[in-house]
Amino acid sequence: MPDDGMVHLSSPYSVAETINRLETLLQAKGLTLFCRIDHSGEAEKVGLKMHPTQLVIFGNPKGGTLVMIASPTIAIDLPLKALIWEDGGGKVWVSYNSPEYLQQRHNIPGDLLQNIAGLGSLLQKVVGLGGQSSLPHPHRRKQMADPKSSDHNQEISRDRLAELLNEDLSREYQAIIGYVVYSQVLKGAEYMNIADQLALHAKQELDHALTISRQIDYLGIMPTVTPKPVKTSDNAKEMLRFDLANENETVRNYRDRVRQCEALGEFAMAEQIRQILMQEQDHQIDLATALGEEVPDVGSRSEARPVT
């Protein structure tokens, strides 16, 4: 058992795909998925940036209740949790408290340890065999890549490119949903033109999703089915700013993808993404114009500035 009680498994999949695999396995085993907390998504809502990080909370209510009856303080650690996160070098990890640690911490009777003992084998199936950690203690995280580094200035592999494209695909799903909803709920004469443009954007984003999905399949990875969270608001300008912020991030990412594809010699793929990038930049212009703002300089991550 690691001396800090945590076990870390490396995952060959993106954060989104790792979570998809976990949720599929939970359903197959009849376990309850209580909730999923998207820490990085919540950070984005308040204007902060962090690497993809999500907490999945799950378990067996009957088995867990029996453990809590015998050892009430374990209620602070139950239901079971799996943290799926990406480090500064782009590597994905699945972290969890070892059942043996929980037993020692809460003095769980030996005959009840089996109620939570299957956690490790479950998560090993999620990441595949041989997913054991090289990260047994928190202070060793310093040995990983500098969190400030990013994929566009590191060597890229085909597998890593596929993972990044899956993140882009999740963002395309987000855009489709957002544009469909926003185009229908924007009210007032001043928003009639942009509402029509958003409806067109939705169709274009679907085409983008199909193209990106095809590239992911070409690289030998299953395309994700999970969208990024979609924000809503009763305020029309706020909705448009949500869209603009998403487009800014998408443009930044696709600029990186073009360079990454070319670095791998995938010039045809780079050209397809370049075509998507051109449309995404048009979406930026449409949204910034509707808001009366200059198109953001996404290269420097500056905020949109009002037109004077």
Protein backbone atom coordinates (compact mmCIF):
# COMPACT_ATOMS: atom_id res chain seq x y z
CA MET A 1 0.00 0.00 0.00
CA PRO A 2 1.44 3.46 -0.86
CA ASP A 3 2.46 5.38 2.24
CA ASP A 4 -0.01 8.20 1.52
CA GLY A 5 -2.89 5.81 0.91
CA MET A 6 -3.32 6.77 -2.72
CA VAL A 7 -2.84 4.63 -5.80
CA HIS A 8 -2.20 6.19 -9.22
CA LEU A 9 -2.80 4.30 -12.46
CA SER A 10 -1.63 5.67 -15.79
CA SER A 11 -4.31 5.69 -18.47
CA PRO A 12 -3.58 5.41 -22.21
CA TYR A 13 -6.83 7.26 -22.93
CA SER A 14 -7.88 10.90 -22.67
CA VAL A 15 -9.66 12.07 -19.53
CA ALA A 16 -13.01 12.01 -21.35
CA GLU A 17 -12.49 8.53 -22.78
CA THR A 18 -11.23 7.17 -19.44
CA ILE A 19 -14.41 8.44 -17.78
CA ASN A 20 -16.53 6.92 -20.55
CA ARG A 21 -14.85 3.55 -19.98
CA LEU A 22 -15.38 3.80 -16.21
CA GLU A 23 -19.06 4.70 -16.53
CA THR A 24 -19.64 1.87 -19.01
CA LEU A 25 -18.01 -0.60 -16.61
CA LEU A 26 -20.01 0.71 -13.64
CA GLN A 27 -23.23 0.19 -15.56
CA ALA A 28 -22.20 -3.31 -16.62
CA LYS A 29 -21.49 -4.26 -12.99
CA GLY A 30 -24.71 -2.75 -11.66
CA LEU A 31 -22.91 -0.11 -9.58
CA THR A 32 -24.45 3.29 -8.90
CA LEU A 33 -22.92 6.42 -10.44
CA PHE A 34 -23.77 9.11 -7.88
CA CYS A 35 -22.19 12.09 -9.59
CA ARG A 36 -19.35 13.42 -11.68
CA ILE A 37 -17.61 16.66 -10.64
CA ASP A 38 -15.86 18.50 -13.47
CA HIS A 39 -13.27 20.57 -11.60
CA SER A 40 -11.68 21.93 -14.77
CA GLY A 41 -15.08 22.78 -16.21
CA GLU A 42 -16.00 24.72 -13.07
CA ALA A 43 -12.63 26.50 -13.21
CA GLU A 44 -13.38 27.57 -16.77
CA LYS A 45 -16.69 29.10 -15.66
CA VAL A 46 -14.83 31.51 -13.37
CA GLY A 47 -12.20 32.39 -15.95
CA LEU A 48 -9.46 30.05 -14.74
CA LYS A 49 -7.59 27.41 -16.71
CA MET A 50 -6.59 24.01 -15.40
CA HIS A 51 -5.78 20.68 -17.00
CA PRO A 52 -8.76 18.31 -17.46
CA THR A 53 -9.66 17.03 -13.98
CA GLN A 54 -12.85 15.21 -13.02
CA LEU A 55 -13.97 13.28 -9.94
CA VAL A 56 -16.32 10.31 -10.37
CA ILE A 57 -18.25 9.19 -7.27
CA PHE A 58 -19.81 5.73 -7.34
CA GLY A 59 -20.49 2.59 -5.35
CA ASN A 60 -22.90 -0.05 -4.10
CA PRO A 61 -25.38 1.50 -1.63
CA LYS A 62 -26.06 -1.78 0.16
CA GLY A 63 -22.42 -2.81 0.49
CA GLY A 64 -21.31 0.69 1.46
CA THR A 65 -24.04 1.09 4.08
CA LEU A 66 -22.96 -2.09 5.85
CA VAL A 67 -19.42 -0.72 6.07
CA MET A 68 -20.66 2.64 7.41
CA ILE A 69 -22.79 0.94 10.07
CA ALA A 70 -19.71 -0.88 11.34
CA SER A 71 -17.33 2.08 10.91
CA PRO A 72 -19.33 5.35 10.82
CA THR A 73 -16.40 7.65 10.05
CA ILE A 74 -15.85 6.04 6.66
CA ALA A 75 -18.88 8.01 5.53
CA ILE A 76 -16.44 10.83 4.85
CA ASP A 77 -14.70 8.64 2.23
CA LEU A 78 -17.76 6.88 0.81
CA PRO A 79 -19.12 6.56 -1.81
CA LEU A 80 -15.96 5.44 -3.56
CA LYS A 81 -14.14 8.02 -5.66
CA ALA A 82 -11.88 7.99 -8.70
CA LEU A 83 -10.01 11.12 -9.75
CA ILE A 84 -9.28 11.22 -13.48
CA TRP A 85 -6.82 13.98 -14.30
CA GLU A 86 -4.22 15.13 -16.79
CA ASP A 87 -0.79 16.30 -15.65
CA GLY A 88 1.33 19.08 -17.12
CA GLY A 89 2.92 16.72 -19.61
CA GLY A 90 -0.42 15.58 -21.02
CA LYS A 91 -0.35 12.20 -19.25
CA VAL A 92 -3.67 10.97 -17.85
CA TRP A 93 -3.95 9.38 -14.39
CA VAL A 94 -6.63 7.58 -12.40
CA SER A 95 -6.10 8.13 -8.67
CA TYR A 96 -7.97 6.57 -5.76
CA ASN A 97 -7.68 5.73 -2.07
CA SER A 98 -6.57 2.15 -1.59
CA PRO A 99 -9.10 -0.06 0.24
CA GLU A 100 -6.36 -1.13 2.67
CA TYR A 101 -5.71 2.51 3.55
CA LEU A 102 -9.43 3.08 4.14
CA GLN A 103 -9.52 -0.01 6.35
CA GLN A 104 -6.67 1.27 8.50
CA ARG A 105 -7.97 4.83 8.61
CA HIS A 106 -11.48 3.85 9.75
CA ASN A 107 -10.82 0.51 11.46
CA ILE A 108 -13.05 -1.43 9.10
CA PRO A 109 -13.65 -5.04 10.24
CA GLY A 110 -11.76 -7.51 8.08
CA ASP A 111 -14.89 -9.33 6.97
CA LEU A 112 -16.29 -6.10 5.49
CA LEU A 113 -13.18 -5.08 3.56
CA GLN A 114 -14.44 -7.15 0.63
CA ASN A 115 -17.29 -4.65 0.20
CA ILE A 116 -14.81 -2.06 -1.12
CA ALA A 117 -11.84 -4.27 -2.04
CA GLY A 118 -12.81 -4.56 -5.71
CA LEU A 119 -12.04 -0.89 -6.41
CA GLY A 120 -8.48 -1.48 -7.57
CA SER A 121 -9.28 -4.27 -10.02
CA LEU A 122 -12.22 -2.26 -11.38
CA LEU A 123 -10.05 0.75 -12.17
CA GLN A 124 -7.28 -1.41 -13.60
CA LYS A 125 -9.81 -2.71 -16.11
CA VAL A 126 -10.66 0.87 -17.01
CA VAL A 127 -7.08 1.72 -17.94
CA GLY A 128 -6.18 -1.75 -19.24
CA LEU A 129 -3.69 -4.23 -17.84
CA GLY A 130 -0.29 -2.94 -16.84
CA GLY A 131 -1.60 0.47 -15.80
CA GLN A 132 0.32 0.55 -12.51
CA SER A 133 1.65 3.84 -11.28
CA SER A 134 5.07 5.40 -11.30
CA LEU A 135 3.60 8.03 -9.00
CA PRO A 136 3.19 6.50 -5.51
CA HIS A 137 3.51 9.69 -3.43
CA PRO A 138 2.36 13.30 -3.95
CA HIS A 139 5.82 14.88 -3.73
CA ARG A 140 6.92 12.74 -6.68
CA ARG A 141 4.58 14.64 -8.93
CA LYS A 142 7.39 17.16 -9.20
CA GLN A 143 9.17 14.63 -11.42
CA MET A 144 6.48 15.03 -14.07
CA ALA A 145 6.50 17.66 -16.78
CA ASP A 146 6.23 21.30 -15.78
CA PRO A 147 2.50 22.13 -15.59
CA LYS A 148 3.19 25.33 -17.50
CA SER A 149 4.28 23.37 -20.56
CA SER A 150 1.80 22.68 -23.34
CA ASP A 151 1.45 20.17 -26.15
CA HIS A 152 2.31 22.56 -28.93
CA ASN A 153 5.93 22.87 -27.73
CA GLN A 154 6.46 19.18 -26.94
CA GLU A 155 7.00 16.16 -29.11
CA ILE A 156 3.66 14.72 -30.15
CA SER A 157 2.76 11.06 -30.73
CA ARG A 158 -0.08 9.69 -32.82
CA ASP A 159 -1.82 8.40 -29.68
CA ARG A 160 -1.51 11.78 -27.96
CA LEU A 161 -2.81 13.54 -31.07
CA ALA A 162 -5.84 11.25 -31.05
CA GLU A 163 -6.49 12.08 -27.38
CA LEU A 164 -6.29 15.80 -28.10
CA LEU A 165 -8.62 15.44 -31.06
CA ASN A 166 -11.09 13.66 -28.78
CA GLU A 167 -11.00 16.71 -26.50
CA ASP A 168 -11.67 18.83 -29.59
CA LEU A 169 -14.55 16.54 -30.51
CA SER A 170 -16.09 17.04 -27.06
CA ARG A 171 -15.85 20.78 -27.66
CA GLU A 172 -17.52 20.41 -31.07
CA TYR A 173 -20.43 18.59 -29.40
CA GLN A 174 -20.60 21.44 -26.89
CA ALA A 175 -20.73 23.96 -29.75
CA ILE A 176 -23.49 22.08 -31.57
CA ILE A 177 -25.68 21.99 -28.48
CA GLY A 178 -24.92 25.59 -27.57
CA TYR A 179 -25.61 26.98 -31.03
CA VAL A 180 -28.83 24.95 -31.40
CA VAL A 181 -30.17 26.25 -28.09
CA TYR A 182 -28.93 29.84 -28.35
CA SER A 183 -30.21 30.26 -31.90
CA GLN A 184 -33.73 29.46 -30.71
CA VAL A 185 -33.87 31.38 -27.44
CA LEU A 186 -32.28 34.70 -28.47
CA LYS A 187 -35.11 37.21 -28.60
CA GLY A 188 -35.49 40.74 -29.93
CA ALA A 189 -34.92 42.50 -33.25
CA GLU A 190 -31.29 43.29 -32.40
CA TYR A 191 -30.48 39.57 -32.20
CA MET A 192 -32.41 38.28 -35.23
CA ASN A 193 -29.37 38.36 -37.52
CA ILE A 194 -26.98 36.64 -35.11
CA ALA A 195 -29.64 34.04 -34.23
CA ASP A 196 -29.76 33.05 -37.92
CA GLN A 197 -25.96 32.91 -37.98
CA LEU A 198 -25.89 30.67 -34.90
CA ALA A 199 -28.26 28.23 -36.60
CA LEU A 200 -25.79 28.07 -39.50
CA HIS A 201 -22.90 27.67 -37.04
CA ALA A 202 -24.65 24.63 -35.54
CA LYS A 203 -24.72 22.90 -38.93
CA GLN A 204 -21.08 23.74 -39.57
CA GLU A 205 -20.04 22.44 -36.15
CA LEU A 206 -21.75 19.14 -36.94
CA ASP A 207 -19.64 18.90 -40.09
CA HIS A 208 -16.57 19.66 -37.98
CA ALA A 209 -17.50 16.89 -35.53
CA LEU A 210 -17.84 14.39 -38.37
CA THR A 211 -14.45 15.38 -39.78
CA ILE A 212 -12.68 15.22 -36.42
CA SER A 213 -14.36 11.90 -35.60
CA ARG A 214 -13.09 10.48 -38.89
CA GLN A 215 -9.52 11.58 -38.07
CA ILE A 216 -9.69 10.02 -34.60
CA ASP A 217 -10.87 6.73 -36.08
CA TYR A 218 -8.05 6.93 -38.64
CA LEU A 219 -5.60 7.22 -35.74
CA GLY A 220 -7.02 4.03 -34.22
CA ILE A 221 -8.93 5.47 -31.25
CA MET A 222 -12.67 5.35 -30.52
CA PRO A 223 -14.24 8.83 -30.86
CA THR A 224 -15.68 10.17 -27.62
CA VAL A 225 -19.41 10.61 -27.08
CA THR A 226 -19.25 13.15 -24.23
CA PRO A 227 -19.68 16.90 -24.80
CA LYS A 228 -18.07 19.62 -22.75
CA PRO A 229 -20.54 21.35 -20.39
CA VAL A 230 -22.86 23.87 -22.06
CA LYS A 231 -23.54 27.11 -20.20
CA THR A 232 -26.93 28.80 -20.39
CA SER A 233 -28.22 32.20 -19.30
CA ASP A 234 -31.30 34.40 -19.48
CA ASN A 235 -29.04 37.23 -20.65
CA ALA A 236 -28.53 37.30 -24.44
CA LYS A 237 -25.14 39.00 -24.33
CA GLU A 238 -23.93 36.56 -21.72
CA MET A 239 -24.88 33.64 -23.98
CA LEU A 240 -23.00 35.21 -26.87
CA ARG A 241 -19.96 35.69 -24.65
CA PHE A 242 -20.11 32.01 -23.67
CA ASP A 243 -20.01 31.17 -27.39
CA LEU A 244 -17.17 33.59 -28.07
CA ALA A 245 -15.08 32.20 -25.20
CA ASN A 246 -15.58 28.67 -26.54
CA GLU A 247 -14.64 29.75 -30.06
CA ASN A 248 -11.50 31.44 -28.73
CA GLU A 249 -10.41 28.20 -27.08
CA THR A 250 -11.29 26.18 -30.18
CA VAL A 251 -9.24 28.43 -32.45
CA ARG A 252 -6.24 28.18 -30.12
CA ASN A 253 -6.51 24.40 -30.03
CA TYR A 254 -6.90 23.93 -33.78
CA ARG A 255 -3.90 26.14 -34.47
CA ASP A 256 -1.93 23.76 -32.29
CA ARG A 257 -3.43 20.73 -34.03
CA VAL A 258 -2.33 21.95 -37.46
CA ARG A 259 1.27 22.21 -36.23
CA GLN A 260 1.06 18.85 -34.46
CA CYS A 261 -0.31 17.08 -37.55
CA GLU A 262 2.42 18.54 -39.70
CA ALA A 263 5.06 17.49 -37.15
CA LEU A 264 3.82 13.90 -37.58
CA GLY A 265 3.79 14.18 -41.36
CA GLU A 266 -0.03 14.04 -41.43
CA PHE A 267 -0.34 16.85 -43.95
CA ALA A 268 -3.77 15.83 -45.28
CA MET A 269 -5.15 15.83 -41.74
CA ALA A 270 -3.53 19.20 -41.10
CA GLU A 271 -5.28 20.59 -44.18
CA GLN A 272 -8.69 19.32 -43.06
CA ILE A 273 -8.21 20.92 -39.65
CA ARG A 274 -7.04 24.10 -41.32
CA GLN A 275 -10.35 24.25 -43.19
CA ILE A 276 -12.24 23.82 -39.90
CA LEU A 277 -10.08 26.54 -38.36
CA MET A 278 -11.08 28.99 -41.08
CA GLN A 279 -14.77 28.51 -40.26
CA GLU A 280 -14.16 28.73 -36.51
CA GLN A 281 -12.42 32.07 -37.05
CA ASP A 282 -15.46 33.24 -39.02
CA HIS A 283 -17.62 32.24 -36.05
CA GLN A 284 -15.37 34.36 -33.83
CA ILE A 285 -15.87 37.36 -36.10
CA ASP A 286 -19.67 36.89 -36.17
CA LEU A 287 -19.91 36.69 -32.38
CA ALA A 288 -17.52 39.56 -31.65
CA THR A 289 -19.36 41.76 -34.16
CA ALA A 290 -22.73 40.95 -32.57
CA LEU A 291 -21.29 41.96 -29.20
CA GLY A 292 -19.76 45.18 -30.60
CA GLU A 293 -16.26 44.00 -29.69
CA GLU A 294 -13.02 43.48 -31.50
CA VAL A 295 -12.11 39.92 -32.37
CA PRO A 296 -9.96 38.64 -29.46
CA ASP A 297 -6.25 38.10 -29.96
CA VAL A 298 -6.32 34.44 -28.96
CA GLY A 299 -2.61 34.07 -29.56
CA SER A 300 -1.93 36.12 -26.45
CA ARG A 301 -5.09 34.96 -24.61
CA SER A 302 -6.21 38.58 -24.23
CA GLU A 303 -9.82 39.44 -23.55
CA ALA A 304 -12.12 40.89 -26.16
CA ARG A 305 -12.02 44.68 -26.13
CA PRO A 306 -15.04 46.92 -26.81
CA VAL A 307 -14.93 48.76 -30.09
CA THR A 308 -14.40 52.50 -29.52
